[in-house]
Protein backbone atom coordinates (compact mmCIF):
# COMPACT_ATOMS: atom_id res chain seq x y z
CA MET A 1 -27.84 23.83 5.24
CA THR A 2 -27.92 23.34 8.43
CA VAL A 3 -28.74 20.48 10.26
CA SER A 4 -31.09 20.95 13.73
CA PRO A 5 -29.56 18.23 16.18
CA GLN A 6 -33.34 16.88 17.25
CA ASP A 7 -33.05 15.93 13.74
CA PRO A 8 -34.48 12.09 13.78
CA ALA A 9 -32.50 11.00 10.74
CA LEU A 10 -29.10 12.27 12.26
CA GLU A 11 -26.85 8.41 13.62
CA PRO A 12 -25.44 9.37 17.38
CA PHE A 13 -21.76 9.53 17.27
CA ASP A 14 -19.65 6.49 17.48
CA PHE A 15 -16.17 6.57 18.60
CA GLY A 16 -15.59 3.21 18.16
CA ARG A 17 -16.72 3.43 14.82
CA GLU A 18 -14.68 6.56 13.83
CA LEU A 19 -11.59 5.01 15.82
CA TYR A 20 -11.46 2.18 13.67
CA GLU A 21 -11.91 3.85 10.29
CA LEU A 22 -9.23 6.03 11.30
CA VAL A 23 -6.72 2.81 12.36
CA ARG A 24 -7.95 1.05 9.28
CA ASP A 25 -7.53 4.09 6.43
CA THR A 26 -3.86 4.98 8.00
CA ALA A 27 -3.03 1.07 8.44
CA PRO A 28 0.58 0.23 6.03
CA ARG A 29 -0.23 -2.22 3.36
CA LEU A 30 1.26 -5.73 3.67
CA PHE A 31 2.75 -7.15 0.74
CA ALA A 32 5.17 -10.30 0.19
CA VAL A 33 9.13 -10.80 -1.76
CA VAL A 34 8.20 -13.83 -3.31
CA ILE A 35 10.51 -15.65 -5.59
CA GLU A 36 9.15 -17.65 -8.56
CA TYR A 37 10.61 -20.06 -10.31
CA CYS A 38 10.28 -21.70 -13.63
CA VAL A 39 7.23 -19.11 -14.46
CA GLY A 40 5.59 -20.54 -18.04
CA THR A 41 6.69 -24.06 -17.20
CA ASP A 42 5.53 -27.15 -15.77
CA ASP A 43 8.11 -26.92 -12.64
CA ALA A 44 6.80 -23.28 -11.95
CA ASP A 45 7.11 -23.01 -8.37
CA ALA A 46 7.08 -19.69 -6.01
CA MET A 47 8.15 -18.97 -2.44
CA VAL A 48 7.74 -16.22 0.40
CA VAL A 49 11.24 -15.01 1.31
CA ALA A 50 9.87 -11.64 3.35
CA TRP A 51 7.25 -9.44 4.42
CA GLY A 52 7.32 -5.85 3.71
CA LEU A 53 5.18 -3.11 5.31
CA ALA A 54 4.55 0.16 2.72
CA TYR A 55 3.41 3.61 4.59
CA GLU A 56 1.49 6.00 3.11
CA ASP A 57 4.68 8.46 2.88
CA GLY A 58 5.52 5.74 0.52
CA LYS A 59 8.73 4.61 2.34
CA ALA A 60 8.72 0.40 3.54
CA GLU A 61 10.02 -1.89 6.41
CA VAL A 62 10.67 -5.18 4.70
CA THR A 63 11.76 -8.43 6.59
CA GLN A 64 13.39 -11.31 5.09
CA ILE A 65 11.87 -14.63 6.83
CA GLU A 66 14.97 -16.53 6.79
CA SER A 67 17.01 -14.56 8.64
CA GLY A 68 15.19 -11.22 10.07
CA ARG A 69 17.93 -9.28 8.13
CA ARG A 70 15.01 -5.98 8.15
CA TRP A 71 15.51 -2.93 5.80
CA GLN A 72 13.88 0.99 6.04
CA LEU A 73 13.44 1.07 1.60
CA THR A 74 12.29 4.65 -0.33
CA ALA A 75 9.66 2.48 -1.12
CA PRO A 76 8.14 -0.85 -1.99
CA ASP A 77 9.29 -1.70 -5.33
CA HIS A 78 12.96 -1.48 -3.83
CA ALA A 79 12.12 -4.59 -2.08
CA VAL A 80 13.34 -7.09 -4.97
CA ARG A 81 16.89 -5.68 -5.34
CA TYR A 82 18.15 -8.08 -2.63
CA PHE A 83 16.80 -10.91 -4.08
CA PRO A 84 18.17 -12.98 -6.67
CA ARG A 85 17.34 -12.79 -10.58
CA SER A 86 18.11 -15.19 -13.23
CA LYS A 87 16.85 -16.53 -15.76
CA GLU A 88 14.94 -19.85 -14.11
CA CYS A 89 14.03 -17.03 -11.15
CA SER A 90 13.01 -13.36 -10.02
CA PRO A 91 11.73 -12.09 -7.25
CA ARG A 92 7.87 -9.73 -6.98
CA LEU A 93 5.87 -7.39 -4.50
CA VAL A 94 2.27 -9.64 -3.84
CA TRP A 95 -0.39 -7.15 -1.83
CA LEU A 96 -2.54 -8.57 0.75
CA ALA A 97 -5.91 -6.75 -0.30
CA PRO A 98 -7.25 -5.18 2.50
CA PRO A 99 -10.42 -7.38 4.35
CA GLY A 100 -13.09 -7.96 2.85
CA VAL A 101 -11.38 -7.35 -0.86
CA ASP A 102 -11.70 -10.09 -3.46
CA VAL A 103 -8.36 -10.40 -5.33
CA HIS A 104 -9.49 -12.60 -7.82
CA ASP A 105 -12.72 -9.89 -8.50
CA GLN A 106 -9.81 -7.61 -8.69
CA ALA A 107 -8.04 -9.04 -12.11
CA GLN A 108 -11.32 -10.29 -13.01
CA ALA A 109 -12.97 -6.86 -12.83
CA ALA A 110 -10.10 -5.13 -14.69
């Protein structure tokens, strides 16, 4: 099916919108490395210890907050290897949702 360029149903090309969508669709995903303490107890607590970017190809870059130390990793999940784990504390990744997405709504829908 062909569409005539004079078809009033077609919207004019919006380069700004196309550019925004390109950036949005190719942007790395942001995550935090969080250390959780005493999970499942009244003393439960957590602390963000690093921030990371996950890229489309699966690789990630992570920066530790206090020291500024940086890692280039083959996968975001590998970031937890650089932080302590014991029976009282454990590291985990927490992903930031894309803009406009409520993570609480996602969890309830799952």
